[in-house]
N, C-alpha and C. Protein backbone atom coordinates (compact mmCIF):
# COMPACT_ATOMS: atom_id res chain seq x y z
N MET A 1 0.81 -1.20 0.00
CA MET A 1 0.00 0.00 0.00
C MET A 1 0.85 1.25 0.00
N LEU A 2 1.96 1.25 0.79
CA LEU A 2 2.84 2.42 0.83
C LEU A 2 3.48 2.66 -0.52
N ALA A 3 3.92 1.58 -1.19
CA ALA A 3 4.53 1.74 -2.51
C ALA A 3 3.53 2.26 -3.51
N LEU A 4 2.30 1.79 -3.43
CA LEU A 4 1.27 2.25 -4.35
C LEU A 4 0.97 3.72 -4.14
N ALA A 5 0.88 4.15 -2.88
CA ALA A 5 0.62 5.56 -2.59
C ALA A 5 1.75 6.44 -3.10
N THR A 6 2.99 5.97 -2.95
CA THR A 6 4.15 6.72 -3.44
C THR A 6 4.09 6.88 -4.95
N ASP A 7 3.76 5.80 -5.67
CA ASP A 7 3.65 5.85 -7.13
C ASP A 7 2.58 6.84 -7.56
N LEU A 8 1.43 6.79 -6.93
CA LEU A 8 0.34 7.68 -7.30
C LEU A 8 0.69 9.14 -6.99
N ARG A 9 1.42 9.37 -5.88
CA ARG A 9 1.82 10.72 -5.54
C ARG A 9 2.79 11.28 -6.57
N GLN A 10 3.70 10.44 -7.09
CA GLN A 10 4.62 10.89 -8.13
C GLN A 10 3.88 11.27 -9.40
N VAL A 11 2.87 10.49 -9.76
CA VAL A 11 2.08 10.82 -10.95
C VAL A 11 1.36 12.15 -10.75
N SER A 12 0.77 12.34 -9.55
CA SER A 12 0.05 13.58 -9.27
C SER A 12 0.97 14.79 -9.39
N ILE A 13 2.18 14.69 -8.84
CA ILE A 13 3.14 15.81 -8.92
C ILE A 13 3.50 16.11 -10.37
N TRP A 14 3.70 15.06 -11.17
CA TRP A 14 4.09 15.23 -12.56
C TRP A 14 2.97 15.91 -13.36
N VAL A 15 1.72 15.47 -13.13
CA VAL A 15 0.61 16.04 -13.87
C VAL A 15 0.38 17.49 -13.48
N SER A 16 0.43 17.79 -12.17
CA SER A 16 0.18 19.16 -11.72
C SER A 16 1.28 20.11 -12.17
N SER A 17 2.49 19.64 -12.35
CA SER A 17 3.59 20.51 -12.78
C SER A 17 3.54 20.83 -14.27
N GLY A 18 2.80 20.04 -15.02
CA GLY A 18 2.68 20.28 -16.45
C GLY A 18 3.89 19.86 -17.25
N ARG A 19 4.81 19.12 -16.67
CA ARG A 19 6.00 18.68 -17.39
C ARG A 19 5.64 17.61 -18.41
N LYS A 20 6.22 17.70 -19.57
CA LYS A 20 5.94 16.73 -20.62
C LYS A 20 7.16 15.86 -20.93
N GLY A 21 8.29 16.20 -20.32
CA GLY A 21 9.49 15.41 -20.56
C GLY A 21 9.50 14.15 -19.72
N PRO A 22 10.63 13.43 -19.75
CA PRO A 22 10.75 12.19 -18.96
C PRO A 22 10.57 12.49 -17.48
N LEU A 23 9.93 11.62 -16.79
CA LEU A 23 9.71 11.79 -15.36
C LEU A 23 11.01 11.52 -14.61
N ARG A 24 11.23 12.34 -13.58
CA ARG A 24 12.36 12.08 -12.73
C ARG A 24 12.05 10.89 -11.83
N ASN A 25 12.99 9.97 -11.74
CA ASN A 25 12.82 8.75 -10.94
C ASN A 25 11.58 7.95 -11.33
N TRP A 26 11.24 8.08 -12.59
CA TRP A 26 10.03 7.37 -13.05
C TRP A 26 10.34 6.73 -14.39
N ASP A 27 10.06 5.47 -14.55
CA ASP A 27 10.33 4.81 -15.82
C ASP A 27 9.23 3.81 -16.12
N VAL A 28 9.41 3.14 -17.23
CA VAL A 28 8.38 2.20 -17.68
C VAL A 28 8.16 1.09 -16.68
N MET A 29 9.22 0.64 -16.03
CA MET A 29 9.08 -0.45 -15.08
C MET A 29 8.20 -0.06 -13.90
N LYS A 30 8.37 1.18 -13.41
CA LYS A 30 7.55 1.63 -12.29
C LYS A 30 6.09 1.76 -12.71
N THR A 31 5.87 2.29 -13.93
CA THR A 31 4.50 2.41 -14.43
C THR A 31 3.86 1.04 -14.55
N THR A 32 4.60 0.10 -15.11
CA THR A 32 4.09 -1.27 -15.25
C THR A 32 3.79 -1.88 -13.90
N SER A 33 4.66 -1.63 -12.93
CA SER A 33 4.47 -2.19 -11.59
C SER A 33 3.21 -1.64 -10.95
N MET A 34 2.98 -0.31 -11.12
CA MET A 34 1.79 0.29 -10.54
C MET A 34 0.53 -0.27 -11.17
N LEU A 35 0.52 -0.39 -12.51
CA LEU A 35 -0.64 -0.92 -13.20
C LEU A 35 -0.90 -2.37 -12.82
N ALA A 36 0.19 -3.12 -12.61
CA ALA A 36 0.03 -4.52 -12.22
C ALA A 36 -0.61 -4.63 -10.84
N ARG A 37 -0.22 -3.73 -9.92
CA ARG A 37 -0.81 -3.77 -8.59
C ARG A 37 -2.29 -3.41 -8.62
N LEU A 38 -2.69 -2.55 -9.56
CA LEU A 38 -4.08 -2.12 -9.64
C LEU A 38 -4.93 -3.03 -10.52
N GLY A 39 -4.32 -3.66 -11.52
CA GLY A 39 -5.09 -4.39 -12.51
C GLY A 39 -5.09 -5.89 -12.38
N VAL A 40 -4.26 -6.43 -11.50
CA VAL A 40 -4.17 -7.87 -11.34
C VAL A 40 -4.55 -8.23 -9.91
N SER A 41 -5.45 -9.19 -9.76
CA SER A 41 -5.84 -9.59 -8.42
C SER A 41 -4.80 -10.54 -7.81
N PRO A 42 -4.66 -10.57 -6.50
CA PRO A 42 -5.39 -9.72 -5.55
C PRO A 42 -4.81 -8.32 -5.46
N LEU A 43 -5.66 -7.35 -5.11
CA LEU A 43 -5.21 -5.98 -4.93
C LEU A 43 -4.31 -5.89 -3.69
N PRO A 44 -3.50 -4.84 -3.61
CA PRO A 44 -2.55 -4.73 -2.48
C PRO A 44 -3.24 -4.33 -1.18
N VAL A 45 -4.15 -5.16 -0.75
CA VAL A 45 -4.83 -4.98 0.54
C VAL A 45 -4.84 -6.35 1.22
N PRO A 46 -5.04 -6.40 2.53
CA PRO A 46 -5.09 -7.70 3.21
C PRO A 46 -6.12 -8.62 2.55
N ALA A 47 -5.73 -9.85 2.29
CA ALA A 47 -6.56 -10.76 1.51
C ALA A 47 -7.91 -11.04 2.15
N ASN A 48 -7.95 -11.11 3.49
CA ASN A 48 -9.20 -11.50 4.13
C ASN A 48 -10.27 -10.40 4.13
N TRP A 49 -9.92 -9.20 3.64
CA TRP A 49 -10.93 -8.14 3.57
C TRP A 49 -11.96 -8.39 2.48
N TYR A 50 -11.74 -9.41 1.65
CA TYR A 50 -12.74 -9.76 0.64
C TYR A 50 -14.08 -10.09 1.31
N ALA A 51 -14.03 -10.57 2.55
CA ALA A 51 -15.23 -11.05 3.23
C ALA A 51 -16.16 -9.92 3.63
N ILE A 52 -15.65 -8.70 3.78
CA ILE A 52 -16.48 -7.59 4.24
C ILE A 52 -17.63 -7.31 3.28
N PRO A 53 -17.38 -7.04 1.98
CA PRO A 53 -18.52 -6.79 1.09
C PRO A 53 -19.45 -8.00 0.95
N LEU A 54 -18.90 -9.20 1.01
CA LEU A 54 -19.75 -10.39 0.93
C LEU A 54 -20.69 -10.46 2.13
N ARG A 55 -20.15 -10.25 3.32
CA ARG A 55 -21.00 -10.29 4.51
C ARG A 55 -22.06 -9.21 4.49
N LEU A 56 -21.70 -8.04 4.01
CA LEU A 56 -22.65 -6.93 3.97
C LEU A 56 -23.82 -7.22 3.03
N ILE A 57 -23.52 -7.67 1.81
CA ILE A 57 -24.60 -7.87 0.84
C ILE A 57 -25.42 -9.11 1.16
N VAL A 58 -24.76 -10.20 1.55
CA VAL A 58 -25.50 -11.43 1.87
C VAL A 58 -26.31 -11.24 3.16
N GLY A 59 -25.68 -10.70 4.18
CA GLY A 59 -26.37 -10.51 5.45
C GLY A 59 -27.53 -9.54 5.33
N PHE A 60 -27.27 -8.38 4.72
CA PHE A 60 -28.34 -7.39 4.58
C PHE A 60 -29.44 -7.89 3.66
N GLY A 61 -29.06 -8.61 2.60
CA GLY A 61 -30.06 -9.14 1.66
C GLY A 61 -31.02 -10.08 2.35
N PHE A 62 -30.51 -11.03 3.12
CA PHE A 62 -31.37 -11.95 3.85
C PHE A 62 -32.23 -11.21 4.87
N LEU A 63 -31.60 -10.31 5.60
CA LEU A 63 -32.32 -9.56 6.63
C LEU A 63 -33.46 -8.75 6.02
N GLU A 64 -33.21 -8.12 4.88
CA GLU A 64 -34.24 -7.30 4.24
C GLU A 64 -35.39 -8.16 3.75
N HIS A 65 -35.10 -9.32 3.17
CA HIS A 65 -36.17 -10.19 2.67
C HIS A 65 -37.03 -10.72 3.82
N GLY A 66 -36.40 -11.10 4.92
CA GLY A 66 -37.16 -11.56 6.07
C GLY A 66 -38.02 -10.47 6.67
N TYR A 67 -37.44 -9.27 6.80
CA TYR A 67 -38.19 -8.14 7.35
C TYR A 67 -39.36 -7.76 6.44
N ALA A 68 -39.15 -7.80 5.13
CA ALA A 68 -40.22 -7.46 4.19
C ALA A 68 -41.41 -8.41 4.34
N LYS A 69 -41.13 -9.70 4.55
CA LYS A 69 -42.21 -10.67 4.74
C LYS A 69 -43.00 -10.35 6.00
N LEU A 70 -42.31 -9.97 7.08
CA LEU A 70 -43.00 -9.59 8.31
C LEU A 70 -43.77 -8.29 8.14
N ALA A 71 -43.17 -7.33 7.46
CA ALA A 71 -43.81 -6.03 7.29
C ALA A 71 -45.10 -6.14 6.48
N ARG A 72 -45.13 -7.02 5.50
CA ARG A 72 -46.34 -7.22 4.69
C ARG A 72 -47.33 -8.16 5.37
N GLY A 73 -46.85 -8.82 6.42
CA GLY A 73 -47.68 -9.80 7.10
C GLY A 73 -47.27 -11.21 6.74
N ALA A 74 -46.89 -11.99 7.74
CA ALA A 74 -46.44 -13.36 7.48
C ALA A 74 -47.52 -14.20 6.81
N ASP A 75 -48.78 -13.88 7.11
CA ASP A 75 -49.88 -14.65 6.52
C ASP A 75 -49.89 -14.54 5.00
N GLY A 76 -49.49 -13.39 4.48
CA GLY A 76 -49.44 -13.22 3.02
C GLY A 76 -48.42 -14.14 2.39
N PHE A 77 -47.24 -14.25 3.01
CA PHE A 77 -46.21 -15.14 2.48
C PHE A 77 -46.64 -16.60 2.61
N ILE A 78 -47.26 -16.93 3.73
CA ILE A 78 -47.72 -18.31 3.93
C ILE A 78 -48.81 -18.65 2.92
N ALA A 79 -49.67 -17.69 2.59
CA ALA A 79 -50.70 -17.92 1.58
C ALA A 79 -50.08 -18.22 0.22
N ILE A 80 -48.97 -17.57 -0.09
CA ILE A 80 -48.27 -17.84 -1.35
C ILE A 80 -47.74 -19.27 -1.36
N LEU A 81 -47.20 -19.71 -0.23
CA LEU A 81 -46.69 -21.08 -0.13
C LEU A 81 -47.83 -22.09 -0.31
N HIS A 82 -48.99 -21.80 0.27
CA HIS A 82 -50.15 -22.66 0.07
C HIS A 82 -50.53 -22.71 -1.41
N ALA A 83 -50.48 -21.55 -2.07
CA ALA A 83 -50.91 -21.45 -3.46
C ALA A 83 -50.02 -22.26 -4.40
N ILE A 84 -48.73 -22.38 -4.09
CA ILE A 84 -47.84 -23.14 -4.97
C ILE A 84 -47.73 -24.60 -4.52
N GLY A 85 -48.54 -24.97 -3.52
CA GLY A 85 -48.61 -26.36 -3.12
C GLY A 85 -47.50 -26.82 -2.20
N THR A 86 -46.92 -25.91 -1.44
CA THR A 86 -45.83 -26.28 -0.53
C THR A 86 -46.40 -27.01 0.68
N PRO A 87 -45.89 -28.20 0.99
CA PRO A 87 -46.38 -28.90 2.19
C PRO A 87 -45.93 -28.19 3.46
N LEU A 88 -46.74 -28.29 4.51
CA LEU A 88 -46.43 -27.65 5.80
C LEU A 88 -46.13 -26.17 5.60
N ALA A 89 -46.99 -25.51 4.86
CA ALA A 89 -46.73 -24.12 4.47
C ALA A 89 -46.58 -23.20 5.68
N ASP A 90 -47.40 -23.40 6.71
CA ASP A 90 -47.31 -22.52 7.89
C ASP A 90 -45.96 -22.68 8.59
N LEU A 91 -45.55 -23.92 8.78
CA LEU A 91 -44.26 -24.17 9.43
C LEU A 91 -43.11 -23.66 8.58
N LEU A 92 -43.13 -23.97 7.29
CA LEU A 92 -42.04 -23.54 6.41
C LEU A 92 -42.02 -22.03 6.24
N GLY A 93 -43.19 -21.41 6.25
CA GLY A 93 -43.24 -19.95 6.11
C GLY A 93 -42.55 -19.24 7.25
N TRP A 94 -42.89 -19.64 8.48
CA TRP A 94 -42.25 -19.01 9.64
C TRP A 94 -40.78 -19.40 9.75
N THR A 95 -40.47 -20.64 9.39
CA THR A 95 -39.07 -21.07 9.41
C THR A 95 -38.23 -20.22 8.46
N THR A 96 -38.78 -19.98 7.27
CA THR A 96 -38.06 -19.15 6.28
C THR A 96 -37.81 -17.75 6.81
N ILE A 97 -38.83 -17.16 7.42
CA ILE A 97 -38.70 -15.79 7.94
C ILE A 97 -37.64 -15.74 9.04
N VAL A 98 -37.67 -16.71 9.95
CA VAL A 98 -36.69 -16.74 11.04
C VAL A 98 -35.27 -16.93 10.50
N VAL A 99 -35.12 -17.86 9.55
CA VAL A 99 -33.80 -18.11 8.96
C VAL A 99 -33.28 -16.86 8.27
N GLU A 100 -34.15 -16.16 7.55
CA GLU A 100 -33.70 -14.97 6.82
C GLU A 100 -33.28 -13.85 7.78
N ILE A 101 -34.07 -13.62 8.83
CA ILE A 101 -33.74 -12.52 9.74
C ILE A 101 -32.56 -12.87 10.63
N VAL A 102 -32.63 -14.01 11.29
CA VAL A 102 -31.54 -14.41 12.20
C VAL A 102 -30.27 -14.71 11.42
N GLY A 103 -30.41 -15.44 10.31
CA GLY A 103 -29.24 -15.75 9.49
C GLY A 103 -28.59 -14.50 8.94
N GLY A 104 -29.40 -13.54 8.50
CA GLY A 104 -28.85 -12.29 7.98
C GLY A 104 -28.04 -11.55 9.04
N LEU A 105 -28.58 -11.48 10.26
CA LEU A 105 -27.86 -10.82 11.34
C LEU A 105 -26.56 -11.53 11.68
N ILE A 106 -26.61 -12.87 11.70
CA ILE A 106 -25.41 -13.66 12.02
C ILE A 106 -24.32 -13.44 10.98
N ILE A 107 -24.70 -13.41 9.71
CA ILE A 107 -23.71 -13.19 8.65
C ILE A 107 -23.14 -11.77 8.75
N LEU A 108 -23.97 -10.80 9.06
CA LEU A 108 -23.49 -9.42 9.17
C LEU A 108 -22.41 -9.29 10.23
N ILE A 109 -22.59 -9.93 11.36
CA ILE A 109 -21.58 -9.83 12.42
C ILE A 109 -20.49 -10.90 12.28
N GLY A 110 -20.66 -11.81 11.31
CA GLY A 110 -19.64 -12.82 11.07
C GLY A 110 -19.51 -13.83 12.19
N ALA A 111 -20.65 -14.33 12.67
CA ALA A 111 -20.63 -15.27 13.79
C ALA A 111 -21.10 -16.65 13.34
N PHE A 112 -20.27 -17.67 13.61
CA PHE A 112 -20.66 -19.06 13.32
C PHE A 112 -21.18 -19.21 11.89
N VAL A 113 -20.42 -18.66 10.95
CA VAL A 113 -20.87 -18.58 9.56
C VAL A 113 -21.18 -19.95 8.95
N PRO A 114 -20.33 -20.98 9.10
CA PRO A 114 -20.68 -22.27 8.49
C PRO A 114 -21.98 -22.85 9.02
N ALA A 115 -22.22 -22.71 10.33
CA ALA A 115 -23.46 -23.23 10.91
C ALA A 115 -24.67 -22.46 10.39
N ALA A 116 -24.53 -21.15 10.28
CA ALA A 116 -25.64 -20.33 9.78
C ALA A 116 -25.90 -20.56 8.30
N ALA A 117 -24.84 -20.88 7.56
CA ALA A 117 -24.98 -21.01 6.11
C ALA A 117 -25.84 -22.21 5.71
N VAL A 118 -25.86 -23.26 6.53
CA VAL A 118 -26.59 -24.48 6.16
C VAL A 118 -28.08 -24.22 5.99
N PRO A 119 -28.80 -23.70 7.00
CA PRO A 119 -30.23 -23.43 6.78
C PRO A 119 -30.49 -22.35 5.74
N MET A 120 -29.57 -21.39 5.62
CA MET A 120 -29.75 -20.33 4.62
C MET A 120 -29.67 -20.91 3.20
N ILE A 121 -28.72 -21.80 2.98
CA ILE A 121 -28.60 -22.43 1.66
C ILE A 121 -29.81 -23.32 1.38
N ILE A 122 -30.31 -24.00 2.41
CA ILE A 122 -31.51 -24.83 2.23
C ILE A 122 -32.69 -23.98 1.79
N VAL A 123 -32.88 -22.82 2.43
CA VAL A 123 -33.96 -21.91 2.03
C VAL A 123 -33.80 -21.48 0.58
N LEU A 124 -32.57 -21.18 0.18
CA LEU A 124 -32.32 -20.77 -1.21
C LEU A 124 -32.61 -21.89 -2.19
N LEU A 125 -32.21 -23.12 -1.86
CA LEU A 125 -32.45 -24.25 -2.75
C LEU A 125 -33.94 -24.54 -2.87
N VAL A 126 -34.68 -24.39 -1.77
CA VAL A 126 -36.13 -24.57 -1.83
C VAL A 126 -36.75 -23.53 -2.76
N ALA A 127 -36.27 -22.29 -2.67
CA ALA A 127 -36.78 -21.24 -3.56
C ALA A 127 -36.46 -21.55 -5.02
N VAL A 128 -35.27 -22.10 -5.26
CA VAL A 128 -34.89 -22.45 -6.63
C VAL A 128 -35.84 -23.48 -7.21
N PHE A 129 -36.04 -24.57 -6.49
CA PHE A 129 -36.77 -25.71 -7.05
C PHE A 129 -38.29 -25.57 -6.98
N THR A 130 -38.79 -24.68 -6.12
CA THR A 130 -40.24 -24.52 -6.02
C THR A 130 -40.76 -23.30 -6.77
N VAL A 131 -39.91 -22.32 -7.01
CA VAL A 131 -40.39 -21.07 -7.62
C VAL A 131 -39.60 -20.67 -8.86
N HIS A 132 -38.28 -20.57 -8.75
CA HIS A 132 -37.49 -19.89 -9.77
C HIS A 132 -37.01 -20.77 -10.92
N LEU A 133 -36.89 -22.07 -10.71
CA LEU A 133 -36.32 -22.94 -11.74
C LEU A 133 -37.07 -22.88 -13.08
N PRO A 134 -38.40 -22.89 -13.10
CA PRO A 134 -39.10 -22.83 -14.39
C PRO A 134 -38.88 -21.52 -15.15
N ASN A 135 -38.40 -20.48 -14.45
CA ASN A 135 -38.22 -19.17 -15.08
C ASN A 135 -36.86 -19.00 -15.73
N GLY A 136 -36.02 -20.04 -15.69
CA GLY A 136 -34.70 -19.94 -16.30
C GLY A 136 -33.68 -19.31 -15.38
N PHE A 137 -32.51 -19.02 -15.93
CA PHE A 137 -31.38 -18.56 -15.12
C PHE A 137 -31.49 -17.09 -14.72
N SER A 138 -31.75 -16.21 -15.65
CA SER A 138 -31.65 -14.77 -15.41
C SER A 138 -32.67 -14.28 -14.39
N SER A 139 -32.20 -13.46 -13.47
CA SER A 139 -33.10 -12.86 -12.48
C SER A 139 -33.64 -11.52 -12.93
N ILE A 140 -33.04 -10.92 -13.94
CA ILE A 140 -33.50 -9.63 -14.45
C ILE A 140 -33.87 -9.80 -15.92
N LYS A 141 -35.16 -9.72 -16.20
CA LYS A 141 -35.66 -9.92 -17.57
C LYS A 141 -36.47 -8.71 -17.98
N LEU A 142 -35.80 -7.78 -18.63
CA LEU A 142 -36.48 -6.56 -19.09
C LEU A 142 -37.35 -6.90 -20.30
N LEU A 143 -38.66 -6.74 -20.14
CA LEU A 143 -39.59 -7.07 -21.22
C LEU A 143 -39.95 -5.86 -22.07
N SER A 144 -40.18 -4.74 -21.42
CA SER A 144 -40.58 -3.54 -22.16
C SER A 144 -40.39 -2.31 -21.29
N TYR A 145 -40.53 -1.17 -21.92
CA TYR A 145 -40.44 0.10 -21.20
C TYR A 145 -41.44 1.07 -21.79
N ASP A 146 -42.25 1.70 -20.93
CA ASP A 146 -43.23 2.68 -21.41
C ASP A 146 -43.32 3.82 -20.40
N ALA A 147 -44.38 4.60 -20.50
CA ALA A 147 -44.53 5.76 -19.62
C ALA A 147 -44.62 5.36 -18.15
N ALA A 148 -45.08 4.15 -17.89
CA ALA A 148 -45.19 3.68 -16.51
C ALA A 148 -43.87 3.19 -15.96
N GLY A 149 -42.87 3.04 -16.83
CA GLY A 149 -41.56 2.58 -16.40
C GLY A 149 -41.20 1.24 -17.00
N ALA A 150 -40.20 0.57 -16.42
CA ALA A 150 -39.73 -0.71 -16.92
C ALA A 150 -40.64 -1.84 -16.47
N HIS A 151 -40.79 -2.83 -17.33
CA HIS A 151 -41.60 -4.01 -17.01
C HIS A 151 -40.70 -5.24 -17.13
N PHE A 152 -40.71 -6.05 -16.07
CA PHE A 152 -39.82 -7.20 -15.99
C PHE A 152 -40.62 -8.50 -15.94
N GLY A 153 -39.98 -9.57 -16.43
CA GLY A 153 -40.57 -10.89 -16.36
C GLY A 153 -40.28 -11.57 -15.03
N GLN A 154 -40.74 -12.79 -14.88
CA GLN A 154 -40.53 -13.55 -13.64
C GLN A 154 -39.03 -13.83 -13.44
N PRO A 155 -38.53 -13.62 -12.22
CA PRO A 155 -37.08 -13.82 -11.98
C PRO A 155 -36.70 -15.29 -11.96
N GLY A 156 -35.51 -15.58 -12.46
CA GLY A 156 -34.97 -16.93 -12.44
C GLY A 156 -34.16 -17.18 -11.18
N TYR A 157 -33.29 -18.18 -11.25
CA TYR A 157 -32.56 -18.62 -10.05
C TYR A 157 -31.16 -18.02 -9.95
N GLU A 158 -30.84 -17.04 -10.77
CA GLU A 158 -29.50 -16.44 -10.76
C GLU A 158 -29.14 -15.86 -9.40
N THR A 159 -30.04 -15.06 -8.81
CA THR A 159 -29.75 -14.43 -7.52
C THR A 159 -29.59 -15.46 -6.41
N ASP A 160 -30.39 -16.53 -6.45
CA ASP A 160 -30.24 -17.60 -5.46
C ASP A 160 -28.83 -18.19 -5.51
N LEU A 161 -28.35 -18.44 -6.73
CA LEU A 161 -27.01 -19.02 -6.87
C LEU A 161 -25.93 -18.04 -6.41
N LEU A 162 -26.13 -16.75 -6.65
CA LEU A 162 -25.16 -15.76 -6.18
C LEU A 162 -25.09 -15.74 -4.66
N TYR A 163 -26.23 -15.81 -3.99
CA TYR A 163 -26.24 -15.88 -2.53
C TYR A 163 -25.54 -17.16 -2.05
N ILE A 164 -25.84 -18.28 -2.69
CA ILE A 164 -25.20 -19.53 -2.30
C ILE A 164 -23.68 -19.43 -2.48
N ALA A 165 -23.24 -18.86 -3.60
CA ALA A 165 -21.81 -18.71 -3.85
C ALA A 165 -21.17 -17.83 -2.78
N GLY A 166 -21.84 -16.75 -2.39
CA GLY A 166 -21.32 -15.88 -1.34
C GLY A 166 -21.19 -16.60 -0.01
N LEU A 167 -22.19 -17.40 0.36
CA LEU A 167 -22.15 -18.14 1.61
C LEU A 167 -21.03 -19.19 1.59
N VAL A 168 -20.90 -19.89 0.47
CA VAL A 168 -19.84 -20.90 0.35
C VAL A 168 -18.47 -20.24 0.45
N ALA A 169 -18.30 -19.09 -0.20
CA ALA A 169 -17.02 -18.38 -0.14
C ALA A 169 -16.68 -17.97 1.30
N LEU A 170 -17.68 -17.53 2.05
CA LEU A 170 -17.44 -17.15 3.44
C LEU A 170 -17.09 -18.37 4.29
N CYS A 171 -17.71 -19.51 3.99
CA CYS A 171 -17.39 -20.73 4.73
C CYS A 171 -15.97 -21.20 4.44
N LEU A 172 -15.56 -21.11 3.19
CA LEU A 172 -14.23 -21.59 2.79
C LEU A 172 -13.12 -20.62 3.20
N GLY A 173 -13.37 -19.32 3.04
CA GLY A 173 -12.32 -18.34 3.29
C GLY A 173 -12.38 -17.67 4.64
N GLY A 174 -13.46 -17.88 5.37
CA GLY A 174 -13.58 -17.25 6.68
C GLY A 174 -14.39 -15.98 6.64
N ALA A 175 -14.85 -15.56 7.80
CA ALA A 175 -15.70 -14.36 7.91
C ALA A 175 -14.90 -13.07 7.81
N GLY A 176 -13.59 -13.15 7.88
CA GLY A 176 -12.75 -11.97 7.71
C GLY A 176 -12.66 -11.10 8.95
N PRO A 177 -12.07 -9.91 8.79
CA PRO A 177 -11.89 -9.00 9.93
C PRO A 177 -13.22 -8.43 10.40
N LEU A 178 -13.21 -7.86 11.59
CA LEU A 178 -14.41 -7.25 12.17
C LEU A 178 -15.54 -8.26 12.28
N SER A 179 -15.21 -9.49 12.59
CA SER A 179 -16.21 -10.55 12.72
C SER A 179 -16.01 -11.29 14.03
N LEU A 180 -17.10 -11.86 14.54
CA LEU A 180 -17.00 -12.63 15.78
C LEU A 180 -16.20 -13.91 15.56
N ASP A 181 -16.37 -14.54 14.41
CA ASP A 181 -15.60 -15.75 14.12
C ASP A 181 -14.10 -15.48 14.18
N ASN A 182 -13.68 -14.36 13.60
CA ASN A 182 -12.26 -14.01 13.59
C ASN A 182 -11.75 -13.75 15.00
N TYR A 183 -12.58 -13.09 15.80
CA TYR A 183 -12.20 -12.82 17.20
C TYR A 183 -12.05 -14.13 17.98
N LEU A 184 -13.03 -15.04 17.81
CA LEU A 184 -12.99 -16.30 18.53
C LEU A 184 -11.79 -17.15 18.11
N LYS A 185 -11.48 -17.12 16.80
CA LYS A 185 -10.34 -17.89 16.32
C LYS A 185 -9.04 -17.32 16.87
N ALA A 186 -8.90 -16.00 16.89
CA ALA A 186 -7.69 -15.39 17.42
C ALA A 186 -7.54 -15.68 18.91
N ARG A 187 -8.65 -15.66 19.63
CA ARG A 187 -8.60 -15.94 21.07
C ARG A 187 -8.22 -17.39 21.33
N GLN A 188 -8.78 -18.30 20.52
CA GLN A 188 -8.43 -19.72 20.67
C GLN A 188 -6.96 -19.96 20.38
N THR A 189 -6.44 -19.29 19.36
CA THR A 189 -5.02 -19.43 19.02
C THR A 189 -4.14 -18.92 20.16
N ALA A 190 -4.55 -17.79 20.75
CA ALA A 190 -3.77 -17.23 21.85
C ALA A 190 -3.79 -18.15 23.06
N LEU A 191 -4.96 -18.72 23.36
CA LEU A 191 -5.06 -19.63 24.50
C LEU A 191 -4.24 -20.90 24.28
N THR A 192 -4.25 -21.40 23.03
CA THR A 192 -3.48 -22.59 22.71
C THR A 192 -1.99 -22.33 22.86
N ALA A 193 -1.56 -21.16 22.37
CA ALA A 193 -0.14 -20.80 22.49
C ALA A 193 0.27 -20.64 23.94
N GLU A 194 -0.65 -20.03 24.73
CA GLU A 194 -0.34 -19.82 26.14
C GLU A 194 -0.26 -21.14 26.89
N SER A 195 -1.18 -22.07 26.59
CA SER A 195 -1.18 -23.35 27.29
C SER A 195 0.02 -24.20 26.93
N GLY A 196 0.62 -23.95 25.74
CA GLY A 196 1.77 -24.73 25.31
C GLY A 196 3.09 -24.09 25.64
N SER A 197 3.08 -22.91 26.26
CA SER A 197 4.33 -22.24 26.58
C SER A 197 5.00 -22.89 27.79
N PRO A 198 6.33 -22.77 27.88
CA PRO A 198 7.05 -23.39 29.01
C PRO A 198 6.57 -22.88 30.35
N GLY A 199 6.22 -21.60 30.43
CA GLY A 199 5.77 -21.03 31.69
C GLY A 199 4.50 -21.68 32.20
N SER A 200 3.58 -21.93 31.27
CA SER A 200 2.31 -22.54 31.69
C SER A 200 2.53 -23.98 32.13
N LEU A 201 3.46 -24.69 31.49
CA LEU A 201 3.74 -26.08 31.87
C LEU A 201 4.36 -26.15 33.26
N SER A 202 5.25 -25.19 33.56
CA SER A 202 5.91 -25.20 34.87
C SER A 202 4.92 -24.91 35.99
N ARG A 203 3.86 -24.11 35.68
CA ARG A 203 2.88 -23.79 36.71
C ARG A 203 2.08 -25.02 37.10
N HIS A 204 1.94 -25.96 36.10
CA HIS A 204 1.21 -27.18 36.41
C HIS A 204 2.11 -28.14 37.20
């Protein structure tokens, strides 16, 4: 990050000075190096920060969908489940709402992500096979546009798969910084190191 900031500062000084000749202490190799740091993944930031945007969008997305069902009335969502022939619609309706709200909050704070991901993925798969699969892959199907605005077709299972991919990525790569999982892991590592130190053994 420090090297990148230095490179960008040199470019800024050169542009503001209006010089058109060769840059002082600047050559093709440095330019190539800067572009490589910006254009090739991973970017020059801590690798585990990838989890922050994933947790935000997945957690908030689930939370918003669960809250919307409650705000409109859970009975309305349960009636939809009855209409499409879902067995145990009342139980599954409330289960879905709880999983979306609680699961969304858990993902946002990055707590017990693998455990939370299991029921969340199940909810997504149920949505795929009971509602979205017949509509194809695309979730955004622009049909027409008129004075009333844009008109869209029935959404497919694309968004469900994106949520599943985000949850799987968090399970494989970890919840990242600013998460309860990361805090618990760091604390466990510290306790393990402390219990294995010579000082702790002598105390026993």
